Amino acid sequence: MGWLWAIIVGLVLGVIAKLLIPGRQHSPLWLTIIFGMLGALVGNALARAFGVEATSGIDWTRHLFQLIAAIVIVFFGDMLYMALWGNKKLQRTQAGRA
């Protein structure tokens, strides 16, 4: 059950991060989920480092750390994706149209 929650949280964080970043991101959904999962892990570590890993009620501060980490990871991860594989896909798509 832990993996299922990790995938769901990764999906939610990754999609919200993509919506908040201006412009279009080109990374596929599976990579967005992985970026969101990494954002959750990094956000949890940052919350623990700042001493707000667990609070009474909903952990809004921890969720904010997770979202900020996901935004940063999606932003730079998408740039890396485009640098490594994205331009080849765009060239194939443009060549197919001609």
PDB file of N, CA and C in Angstrom:
ATOM      1  N   MET A   1       0.818  -1.193   0.000  1.00  0.00           N
ATOM      2  CA  MET A   1       0.000   0.000   0.000  1.00  0.00           C
ATOM      3  C   MET A   1       0.862   1.258   0.000  1.00  0.00           C
ATOM      4  N   GLY A   2       2.065   1.171   0.535  1.00  0.00           N
ATOM      5  CA  GLY A   2       2.958   2.321   0.575  1.00  0.00           C
ATOM      6  C   GLY A   2       3.348   2.809  -0.806  1.00  0.00           C
ATOM      7  N   TRP A   3       3.589   1.870  -1.741  1.00  0.00           N
ATOM      8  CA  TRP A   3       3.965   2.253  -3.102  1.00  0.00           C
ATOM      9  C   TRP A   3       2.821   2.939  -3.820  1.00  0.00           C
ATOM     10  N   LEU A   4       1.602   2.449  -3.570  1.00  0.00           N
ATOM     11  CA  LEU A   4       0.443   3.065  -4.197  1.00  0.00           C
ATOM     12  C   LEU A   4       0.294   4.514  -3.750  1.00  0.00           C
ATOM     13  N   TRP A   5       0.449   4.765  -2.455  1.00  0.00           N
ATOM     14  CA  TRP A   5       0.369   6.144  -1.951  1.00  0.00           C
ATOM     15  C   TRP A   5       1.501   7.004  -2.493  1.00  0.00           C
ATOM     16  N   ALA A   6       2.688   6.417  -2.622  1.00  0.00           N
ATOM     17  CA  ALA A   6       3.820   7.172  -3.169  1.00  0.00           C
ATOM     18  C   ALA A   6       3.540   7.591  -4.608  1.00  0.00           C
ATOM     19  N   ILE A   7       2.944   6.708  -5.385  1.00  0.00           N
ATOM     20  CA  ILE A   7       2.617   7.025  -6.777  1.00  0.00           C
ATOM     21  C   ILE A   7       1.524   8.090  -6.845  1.00  0.00           C
ATOM     22  N   ILE A   8       0.511   7.960  -5.982  1.00  0.00           N
ATOM     23  CA  ILE A   8      -0.571   8.950  -5.975  1.00  0.00           C
ATOM     24  C   ILE A   8      -0.050  10.324  -5.567  1.00  0.00           C
ATOM     25  N   VAL A   9       0.744  10.372  -4.506  1.00  0.00           N
ATOM     26  CA  VAL A   9       1.313  11.650  -4.054  1.00  0.00           C
ATOM     27  C   VAL A   9       2.241  12.218  -5.129  1.00  0.00           C
ATOM     28  N   GLY A  10       3.041  11.370  -5.759  1.00  0.00           N
ATOM     29  CA  GLY A  10       3.921  11.822  -6.838  1.00  0.00           C
ATOM     30  C   GLY A  10       3.147  12.397  -8.009  1.00  0.00           C
ATOM     31  N   LEU A  11       2.031  11.744  -8.352  1.00  0.00           N
ATOM     32  CA  LEU A  11       1.189  12.242  -9.437  1.00  0.00           C
ATOM     33  C   LEU A  11       0.607  13.606  -9.087  1.00  0.00           C
ATOM     34  N   VAL A  12       0.047  13.729  -7.901  1.00  0.00           N
ATOM     35  CA  VAL A  12      -0.580  14.987  -7.495  1.00  0.00           C
ATOM     36  C   VAL A  12       0.457  16.110  -7.429  1.00  0.00           C
ATOM     37  N   LEU A  13       1.580  15.870  -6.759  1.00  0.00           N
ATOM     38  CA  LEU A  13       2.610  16.915  -6.645  1.00  0.00           C
ATOM     39  C   LEU A  13       3.195  17.274  -8.006  1.00  0.00           C
ATOM     40  N   GLY A  14       3.465  16.265  -8.834  1.00  0.00           N
ATOM     41  CA  GLY A  14       4.032  16.532 -10.157  1.00  0.00           C
ATOM     42  C   GLY A  14       3.112  17.337 -11.044  1.00  0.00           C
ATOM     43  N   VAL A  15       1.818  16.994 -11.048  1.00  0.00           N
ATOM     44  CA  VAL A  15       0.861  17.716 -11.885  1.00  0.00           C
ATOM     45  C   VAL A  15       0.662  19.143 -11.371  1.00  0.00           C
ATOM     46  N   ILE A  16       0.554  19.314 -10.058  1.00  0.00           N
ATOM     47  CA  ILE A  16       0.415  20.677  -9.509  1.00  0.00           C
ATOM     48  C   ILE A  16       1.654  21.504  -9.841  1.00  0.00           C
ATOM     49  N   ALA A  17       2.831  20.894  -9.718  1.00  0.00           N
ATOM     50  CA  ALA A  17       4.066  21.616 -10.046  1.00  0.00           C
ATOM     51  C   ALA A  17       4.071  22.031 -11.509  1.00  0.00           C
ATOM     52  N   LYS A  18       3.642  21.126 -12.412  1.00  0.00           N
ATOM     53  CA  LYS A  18       3.587  21.473 -13.835  1.00  0.00           C
ATOM     54  C   LYS A  18       2.619  22.621 -14.095  1.00  0.00           C
ATOM     55  N   LEU A  19       1.520  22.634 -13.366  1.00  0.00           N
ATOM     56  CA  LEU A  19       0.542  23.710 -13.549  1.00  0.00           C
ATOM     57  C   LEU A  19       1.068  25.057 -13.058  1.00  0.00           C
ATOM     58  N   LEU A  20       1.905  25.045 -12.029  1.00  0.00           N
ATOM     59  CA  LEU A  20       2.409  26.290 -11.456  1.00  0.00           C
ATOM     60  C   LEU A  20       3.618  26.851 -12.192  1.00  0.00           C
ATOM     61  N   ILE A  21       4.310  26.018 -12.943  1.00  0.00           N
ATOM     62  CA  ILE A  21       5.477  26.479 -13.695  1.00  0.00           C
ATOM     63  C   ILE A  21       4.992  27.119 -14.995  1.00  0.00           C
ATOM     64  N   PRO A  22       5.420  28.354 -15.272  1.00  0.00           N
ATOM     65  CA  PRO A  22       4.976  28.976 -16.521  1.00  0.00           C
ATOM     66  C   PRO A  22       5.574  28.278 -17.742  1.00  0.00           C
ATOM     67  N   GLY A  23       4.847  28.303 -18.820  1.00  0.00           N
ATOM     68  CA  GLY A  23       5.315  27.664 -20.043  1.00  0.00           C
ATOM     69  C   GLY A  23       4.886  26.211 -20.100  1.00  0.00           C
ATOM     70  N   ARG A  24       5.359  25.535 -21.122  1.00  0.00           N
ATOM     71  CA  ARG A  24       4.996  24.140 -21.337  1.00  0.00           C
ATOM     72  C   ARG A  24       6.148  23.242 -20.918  1.00  0.00           C
ATOM     73  N   GLN A  25       5.830  22.207 -20.171  1.00  0.00           N
ATOM     74  CA  GLN A  25       6.820  21.198 -19.828  1.00  0.00           C
ATOM     75  C   GLN A  25       6.611  20.007 -20.759  1.00  0.00           C
ATOM     76  N   HIS A  26       7.697  19.402 -21.176  1.00  0.00           N
ATOM     77  CA  HIS A  26       7.636  18.359 -22.189  1.00  0.00           C
ATOM     78  C   HIS A  26       7.847  16.954 -21.629  1.00  0.00           C
ATOM     79  N   SER A  27       8.123  16.831 -20.366  1.00  0.00           N
ATOM     80  CA  SER A  27       8.389  15.510 -19.807  1.00  0.00           C
ATOM     81  C   SER A  27       7.104  14.685 -19.769  1.00  0.00           C
ATOM     82  N   PRO A  28       7.215  13.373 -20.003  1.00  0.00           N
ATOM     83  CA  PRO A  28       6.023  12.517 -20.007  1.00  0.00           C
ATOM     84  C   PRO A  28       5.458  12.335 -18.595  1.00  0.00           C
ATOM     85  N   LEU A  29       4.252  11.787 -18.524  1.00  0.00           N
ATOM     86  CA  LEU A  29       3.551  11.644 -17.252  1.00  0.00           C
ATOM     87  C   LEU A  29       4.315  10.753 -16.281  1.00  0.00           C
ATOM     88  N   TRP A  30       4.901   9.648 -16.779  1.00  0.00           N
ATOM     89  CA  TRP A  30       5.615   8.750 -15.875  1.00  0.00           C
ATOM     90  C   TRP A  30       6.793   9.463 -15.223  1.00  0.00           C
ATOM     91  N   LEU A  31       7.444  10.346 -15.960  1.00  0.00           N
ATOM     92  CA  LEU A  31       8.571  11.092 -15.407  1.00  0.00           C
ATOM     93  C   LEU A  31       8.084  12.176 -14.438  1.00  0.00           C
ATOM     94  N   THR A  32       6.935  12.750 -14.726  1.00  0.00           N
ATOM     95  CA  THR A  32       6.333  13.730 -13.824  1.00  0.00           C
ATOM     96  C   THR A  32       6.004  13.083 -12.483  1.00  0.00           C
ATOM     97  N   ILE A  33       5.506  11.853 -12.512  1.00  0.00           N
ATOM     98  CA  ILE A  33       5.208  11.132 -11.270  1.00  0.00           C
ATOM     99  C   ILE A  33       6.489  10.897 -10.474  1.00  0.00           C
ATOM    100  N   ILE A  34       7.550  10.499 -11.151  1.00  0.00           N
ATOM    101  CA  ILE A  34       8.836  10.281 -10.465  1.00  0.00           C
ATOM    102  C   ILE A  34       9.358  11.586  -9.875  1.00  0.00           C
ATOM    103  N   PHE A  35       9.252  12.679 -10.635  1.00  0.00           N
ATOM    104  CA  PHE A  35       9.667  13.984 -10.116  1.00  0.00           C
ATOM    105  C   PHE A  35       8.853  14.366  -8.889  1.00  0.00           C
ATOM    106  N   GLY A  36       7.546  14.105  -8.925  1.00  0.00           N
ATOM    107  CA  GLY A  36       6.693  14.398  -7.780  1.00  0.00           C
ATOM    108  C   GLY A  36       7.054  13.554  -6.562  1.00  0.00           C
ATOM    109  N   MET A  37       7.387  12.290  -6.795  1.00  0.00           N
ATOM    110  CA  MET A  37       7.806  11.426  -5.690  1.00  0.00           C
ATOM    111  C   MET A  37       9.112  11.928  -5.083  1.00  0.00           C
ATOM    112  N   LEU A  38      10.034  12.337  -5.940  1.00  0.00           N
ATOM    113  CA  LEU A  38      11.295  12.906  -5.433  1.00  0.00           C
ATOM    114  C   LEU A  38      11.046  14.199  -4.669  1.00  0.00           C
ATOM    115  N   GLY A  39      10.114  15.008  -5.149  1.00  0.00           N
ATOM    116  CA  GLY A  39       9.755  16.244  -4.452  1.00  0.00           C
ATOM    117  C   GLY A  39       9.207  15.959  -3.064  1.00  0.00           C
ATOM    118  N   ALA A  40       8.402  14.902  -2.941  1.00  0.00           N
ATOM    119  CA  ALA A  40       7.858  14.522  -1.633  1.00  0.00           C
ATOM    120  C   ALA A  40       8.979  14.099  -0.687  1.00  0.00           C
ATOM    121  N   LEU A  41       9.925  13.328  -1.193  1.00  0.00           N
ATOM    122  CA  LEU A  41      11.040  12.882  -0.351  1.00  0.00           C
ATOM    123  C   LEU A  41      11.914  14.050   0.087  1.00  0.00           C
ATOM    124  N   VAL A  42      12.261  14.915  -0.864  1.00  0.00           N
ATOM    125  CA  VAL A  42      13.098  16.067  -0.536  1.00  0.00           C
ATOM    126  C   VAL A  42      12.354  17.016   0.404  1.00  0.00           C
ATOM    127  N   GLY A  43      11.070  17.228   0.154  1.00  0.00           N
ATOM    128  CA  GLY A  43      10.269  18.092   1.021  1.00  0.00           C
ATOM    129  C   GLY A  43      10.175  17.558   2.436  1.00  0.00           C
ATOM    130  N   ASN A  44      10.022  16.245   2.575  1.00  0.00           N
ATOM    131  CA  ASN A  44      10.009  15.639   3.907  1.00  0.00           C
ATOM    132  C   ASN A  44      11.343  15.839   4.619  1.00  0.00           C
ATOM    133  N   ALA A  45      12.429  15.673   3.883  1.00  0.00           N
ATOM    134  CA  ALA A  45      13.757  15.855   4.482  1.00  0.00           C
ATOM    135  C   ALA A  45      13.962  17.307   4.915  1.00  0.00           C
ATOM    136  N   LEU A  46      13.526  18.248   4.092  1.00  0.00           N
ATOM    137  CA  LEU A  46      13.646  19.663   4.456  1.00  0.00           C
ATOM    138  C   LEU A  46      12.777  19.997   5.668  1.00  0.00           C
ATOM    139  N   ALA A  47      11.570  19.461   5.702  1.00  0.00           N
ATOM    140  CA  ALA A  47      10.695  19.701   6.853  1.00  0.00           C
ATOM    141  C   ALA A  47      11.325  19.141   8.130  1.00  0.00           C
ATOM    142  N   ARG A  48      11.914  17.965   8.028  1.00  0.00           N
ATOM    143  CA  ARG A  48      12.591  17.369   9.181  1.00  0.00           C
ATOM    144  C   ARG A  48      13.777  18.241   9.603  1.00  0.00           C
ATOM    145  N   ALA A  49      14.515  18.775   8.635  1.00  0.00           N
ATOM    146  CA  ALA A  49      15.676  19.613   8.950  1.00  0.00           C
ATOM    147  C   ALA A  49      15.254  20.921   9.630  1.00  0.00           C
ATOM    148  N   PHE A  50      14.078  21.440   9.266  1.00  0.00           N
ATOM    149  CA  PHE A  50      13.577  22.667   9.880  1.00  0.00           C
ATOM    150  C   PHE A  50      12.741  22.405  11.130  1.00  0.00           C
ATOM    151  N   GLY A  51      12.597  21.135  11.484  1.00  0.00           N
ATOM    152  CA  GLY A  51      11.895  20.784  12.714  1.00  0.00           C
ATOM    153  C   GLY A  51      10.381  20.832  12.629  1.00  0.00           C
ATOM    154  N   VAL A  52       9.830  20.714  11.444  1.00  0.00           N
ATOM    155  CA  VAL A  52       8.376  20.736  11.293  1.00  0.00           C
ATOM    156  C   VAL A  52       7.868  19.463  10.609  1.00  0.00           C
ATOM    157  N   GLU A  53       8.522  18.338  10.891  1.00  0.00           N
ATOM    158  CA  GLU A  53       8.127  17.111  10.206  1.00  0.00           C
ATOM    159  C   GLU A  53       6.767  16.605  10.637  1.00  0.00           C
ATOM    160  N   ALA A  54       6.359  16.866  11.865  1.00  0.00           N
ATOM    161  CA  ALA A  54       5.047  16.415  12.331  1.00  0.00           C
ATOM    162  C   ALA A  54       4.427  17.496  13.215  1.00  0.00           C
ATOM    163  N   THR A  55       3.231  17.867  12.872  1.00  0.00           N
ATOM    164  CA  THR A  55       2.501  18.848  13.673  1.00  0.00           C
ATOM    165  C   THR A  55       1.130  18.262  13.993  1.00  0.00           C
ATOM    166  N   SER A  56       0.414  18.883  14.881  1.00  0.00           N
ATOM    167  CA  SER A  56      -0.930  18.410  15.166  1.00  0.00           C
ATOM    168  C   SER A  56      -1.855  18.837  14.024  1.00  0.00           C
ATOM    169  N   GLY A  57      -2.715  17.941  13.596  1.00  0.00           N
ATOM    170  CA  GLY A  57      -3.604  18.249  12.481  1.00  0.00           C
ATOM    171  C   GLY A  57      -2.920  18.004  11.143  1.00  0.00           C
ATOM    172  N   ILE A  58      -3.302  18.772  10.160  1.00  0.00           N
ATOM    173  CA  ILE A  58      -2.727  18.623   8.818  1.00  0.00           C
ATOM    174  C   ILE A  58      -1.370  19.313   8.779  1.00  0.00           C
ATOM    175  N   ASP A  59      -0.401  18.641   8.205  1.00  0.00           N
ATOM    176  CA  ASP A  59       0.973  19.171   8.135  1.00  0.00           C
ATOM    177  C   ASP A  59       1.125  20.101   6.934  1.00  0.00           C
ATOM    178  N   TRP A  60       0.531  21.282   7.009  1.00  0.00           N
ATOM    179  CA  TRP A  60       0.573  22.215   5.888  1.00  0.00           C
ATOM    180  C   TRP A  60       1.984  22.656   5.555  1.00  0.00           C
ATOM    181  N   THR A  61       2.797  22.844   6.566  1.00  0.00           N
ATOM    182  CA  THR A  61       4.174  23.290   6.333  1.00  0.00           C
ATOM    183  C   THR A  61       4.959  22.217   5.586  1.00  0.00           C
ATOM    184  N   ARG A  62       4.788  20.965   6.001  1.00  0.00           N
ATOM    185  CA  ARG A  62       5.476  19.863   5.323  1.00  0.00           C
ATOM    186  C   ARG A  62       5.001  19.752   3.878  1.00  0.00           C
ATOM    187  N   HIS A  63       3.702  19.906   3.658  1.00  0.00           N
ATOM    188  CA  HIS A  63       3.168  19.840   2.294  1.00  0.00           C
ATOM    189  C   HIS A  63       3.692  20.995   1.443  1.00  0.00           C
ATOM    190  N   LEU A  64       3.866  22.149   2.035  1.00  0.00           N
ATOM    191  CA  LEU A  64       4.432  23.285   1.306  1.00  0.00           C
ATOM    192  C   LEU A  64       5.879  23.007   0.900  1.00  0.00           C
ATOM    193  N   PHE A  65       6.656  22.435   1.819  1.00  0.00           N
ATOM    194  CA  PHE A  65       8.027  22.045   1.482  1.00  0.00           C
ATOM    195  C   PHE A  65       8.032  21.023   0.339  1.00  0.00           C
ATOM    196  N   GLN A  66       7.114  20.067   0.377  1.00  0.00           N
ATOM    197  CA  GLN A  66       7.032  19.056  -0.675  1.00  0.00           C
ATOM    198  C   GLN A  66       6.693  19.695  -2.022  1.00  0.00           C
ATOM    199  N   LEU A  67       5.748  20.614  -2.016  1.00  0.00           N
ATOM    200  CA  LEU A  67       5.347  21.256  -3.261  1.00  0.00           C
ATOM    201  C   LEU A  67       6.462  22.116  -3.843  1.00  0.00           C
ATOM    202  N   ILE A  68       7.142  22.864  -2.994  1.00  0.00           N
ATOM    203  CA  ILE A  68       8.256  23.691  -3.477  1.00  0.00           C
ATOM    204  C   ILE A  68       9.369  22.815  -4.042  1.00  0.00           C
ATOM    205  N   ALA A  69       9.676  21.724  -3.353  1.00  0.00           N
ATOM    206  CA  ALA A  69      10.702  20.798  -3.852  1.00  0.00           C
ATOM    207  C   ALA A  69      10.262  20.180  -5.178  1.00  0.00           C
ATOM    208  N   ALA A  70       8.986  19.821  -5.297  1.00  0.00           N
ATOM    209  CA  ALA A  70       8.488  19.242  -6.546  1.00  0.00           C
ATOM    210  C   ALA A  70       8.569  20.250  -7.687  1.00  0.00           C
ATOM    211  N   ILE A  71       8.252  21.507  -7.417  1.00  0.00           N
ATOM    212  CA  ILE A  71       8.341  22.542  -8.455  1.00  0.00           C
ATOM    213  C   ILE A  71       9.771  22.664  -8.963  1.00  0.00           C
ATOM    214  N   VAL A  72      10.717  22.720  -8.049  1.00  0.00           N
ATOM    215  CA  VAL A  72      12.132  22.847  -8.438  1.00  0.00           C
ATOM    216  C   VAL A  72      12.579  21.613  -9.224  1.00  0.00           C
ATOM    217  N   ILE A  73      12.207  20.430  -8.754  1.00  0.00           N
ATOM    218  CA  ILE A  73      12.636  19.189  -9.420  1.00  0.00           C
ATOM    219  C   ILE A  73      11.982  19.049 -10.786  1.00  0.00           C
ATOM    220  N   VAL A  74      10.691  19.373 -10.906  1.00  0.00           N
ATOM    221  CA  VAL A  74      10.021  19.297 -12.213  1.00  0.00           C
ATOM    222  C   VAL A  74      10.642  20.304 -13.175  1.00  0.00           C
ATOM    223  N   PHE A  75      10.922  21.498 -12.700  1.00  0.00           N
ATOM    224  CA  PHE A  75      11.505  22.531 -13.567  1.00  0.00           C
ATOM    225  C   PHE A  75      12.860  22.085 -14.126  1.00  0.00           C
ATOM    226  N   PHE A  76      13.767  21.710 -13.240  1.00  0.00           N
ATOM    227  CA  PHE A  76      15.108  21.323 -13.703  1.00  0.00           C
ATOM    228  C   PHE A  76      15.104  19.947 -14.359  1.00  0.00           C
ATOM    229  N   GLY A  77      14.250  19.056 -13.897  1.00  0.00           N
ATOM    230  CA  GLY A  77      14.150  17.736 -14.523  1.00  0.00           C
ATOM    231  C   GLY A  77      13.643  17.823 -15.941  1.00  0.00           C
ATOM    232  N   ASP A  78      12.692  18.716 -16.198  1.00  0.00           N
ATOM    233  CA  ASP A  78      12.190  18.900 -17.555  1.00  0.00           C
ATOM    234  C   ASP A  78      13.260  19.504 -18.455  1.00  0.00           C
ATOM    235  N   MET A  79      14.031  20.436 -17.913  1.00  0.00           N
ATOM    236  CA  MET A  79      15.133  21.006 -18.700  1.00  0.00           C
ATOM    237  C   MET A  79      16.142  19.920 -19.072  1.00  0.00           C
ATOM    238  N   LEU A  80      16.464  19.056 -18.124  1.00  0.00           N
ATOM    239  CA  LEU A  80      17.392  17.957 -18.390  1.00  0.00           C
ATOM    240  C   LEU A  80      16.800  16.979 -19.398  1.00  0.00           C
ATOM    241  N   TYR A  81      15.525  16.670 -19.253  1.00  0.00           N
ATOM    242  CA  TYR A  81      14.851  15.773 -20.198  1.00  0.00           C
ATOM    243  C   TYR A  81      14.931  16.333 -21.619  1.00  0.00           C
ATOM    244  N   MET A  82      14.637  17.616 -21.768  1.00  0.00           N
ATOM    245  CA  MET A  82      14.682  18.226 -23.097  1.00  0.00           C
ATOM    246  C   MET A  82      16.100  18.258 -23.650  1.00  0.00           C
ATOM    247  N   ALA A  83      17.076  18.491 -22.783  1.00  0.00           N
ATOM    248  CA  ALA A  83      18.470  18.531 -23.247  1.00  0.00           C
ATOM    249  C   ALA A  83      18.937  17.153 -23.714  1.00  0.00           C
ATOM    250  N   LEU A  84      18.473  16.106 -23.053  1.00  0.00           N
ATOM    251  CA  LEU A  84      18.946  14.760 -23.392  1.00  0.00           C
ATOM    252  C   LEU A  84      18.129  14.093 -24.486  1.00  0.00           C
ATOM    253  N   TRP A  85      16.793  14.146 -24.391  1.00  0.00           N
ATOM    254  CA  TRP A  85      15.957  13.390 -25.307  1.00  0.00           C
ATOM    255  C   TRP A  85      14.919  14.215 -26.038  1.00  0.00           C
ATOM    256  N   GLY A  86      14.543  15.316 -25.502  1.00  0.00           N
ATOM    257  CA  GLY A  86      13.417  16.069 -26.043  1.00  0.00           C
ATOM    258  C   GLY A  86      13.643  16.641 -27.417  1.00  0.00           C
ATOM    259  N   ASN A  87      14.822  17.175 -27.678  1.00  0.00           N
ATOM    260  CA  ASN A  87      15.079  17.798 -28.976  1.00  0.00           C
ATOM    261  C   ASN A  87      15.012  16.771 -30.097  1.00  0.00           C
ATOM    262  N   LYS A  88      15.409  15.536 -29.826  1.00  0.00           N
ATOM    263  CA  LYS A  88      15.323  14.475 -30.833  1.00  0.00           C
ATOM    264  C   LYS A  88      13.866  14.186 -31.174  1.00  0.00           C
ATOM    265  N   LYS A  89      13.010  14.166 -30.155  1.00  0.00           N
ATOM    266  CA  LYS A  89      11.588  13.915 -30.390  1.00  0.00           C
ATOM    267  C   LYS A  89      10.959  15.063 -31.167  1.00  0.00           C
ATOM    268  N   LEU A  90      11.332  16.300 -30.830  1.00  0.00           N
ATOM    269  CA  LEU A  90      10.792  17.448 -31.564  1.00  0.00           C
ATOM    270  C   LEU A  90      11.235  17.426 -33.022  1.00  0.00           C
ATOM    271  N   GLN A  91      12.484  17.031 -33.283  1.00  0.00           N
ATOM    272  CA  GLN A  91      12.981  16.972 -34.648  1.00  0.00           C
ATOM    273  C   GLN A  91      12.249  15.895 -35.444  1.00  0.00           C
ATOM    274  N   ARG A  92      11.983  14.738 -34.806  1.00  0.00           N
ATOM    275  CA  ARG A  92      11.233  13.680 -35.491  1.00  0.00           C
ATOM    276  C   ARG A  92       9.814  14.121 -35.797  1.00  0.00           C
ATOM    277  N   THR A  93       9.199  14.835 -34.865  1.00  0.00           N
ATOM    278  CA  THR A  93       7.837  15.312 -35.073  1.00  0.00           C
ATOM    279  C   THR A  93       7.798  16.324 -36.213  1.00  0.00           C
ATOM    280  N   GLN A  94       8.750  17.234 -36.256  1.00  0.00           N
ATOM    281  CA  GLN A  94       8.790  18.233 -37.301  1.00  0.00           C
ATOM    282  C   GLN A  94       9.113  17.601 -38.654  1.00  0.00           C
ATOM    283  N   ALA A  95       9.970  16.581 -38.671  1.00  0.00           N
ATOM    284  CA  ALA A  95      10.308  15.907 -39.909  1.00  0.00           C
ATOM    285  C   ALA A  95       9.103  15.129 -40.446  1.00  0.00           C
ATOM    286  N   GLY A  96       8.275  14.607 -39.559  1.00  0.00           N
ATOM    287  CA  GLY A  96       7.077  13.880 -39.971  1.00  0.00           C
ATOM    288  C   GLY A  96       6.026  14.763 -40.595  1.00  0.00           C
ATOM    289  N   ARG A  97       6.011  16.032 -40.199  1.00  0.00           N
ATOM    290  CA  ARG A  97       5.033  16.987 -40.730  1.00  0.00           C
ATOM    291  C   ARG A  97       5.422  17.479 -42.123  1.00  0.00           C
ATOM    292  N   ALA A  98       6.719  17.462 -42.424  1.00  0.00           N
ATOM    293  CA  ALA A  98       7.190  18.008 -43.705  1.00  0.00           C
ATOM    294  C   ALA A  98       6.983  17.062 -44.864  1.00  0.00           C
TER     295      ALA A  98
END
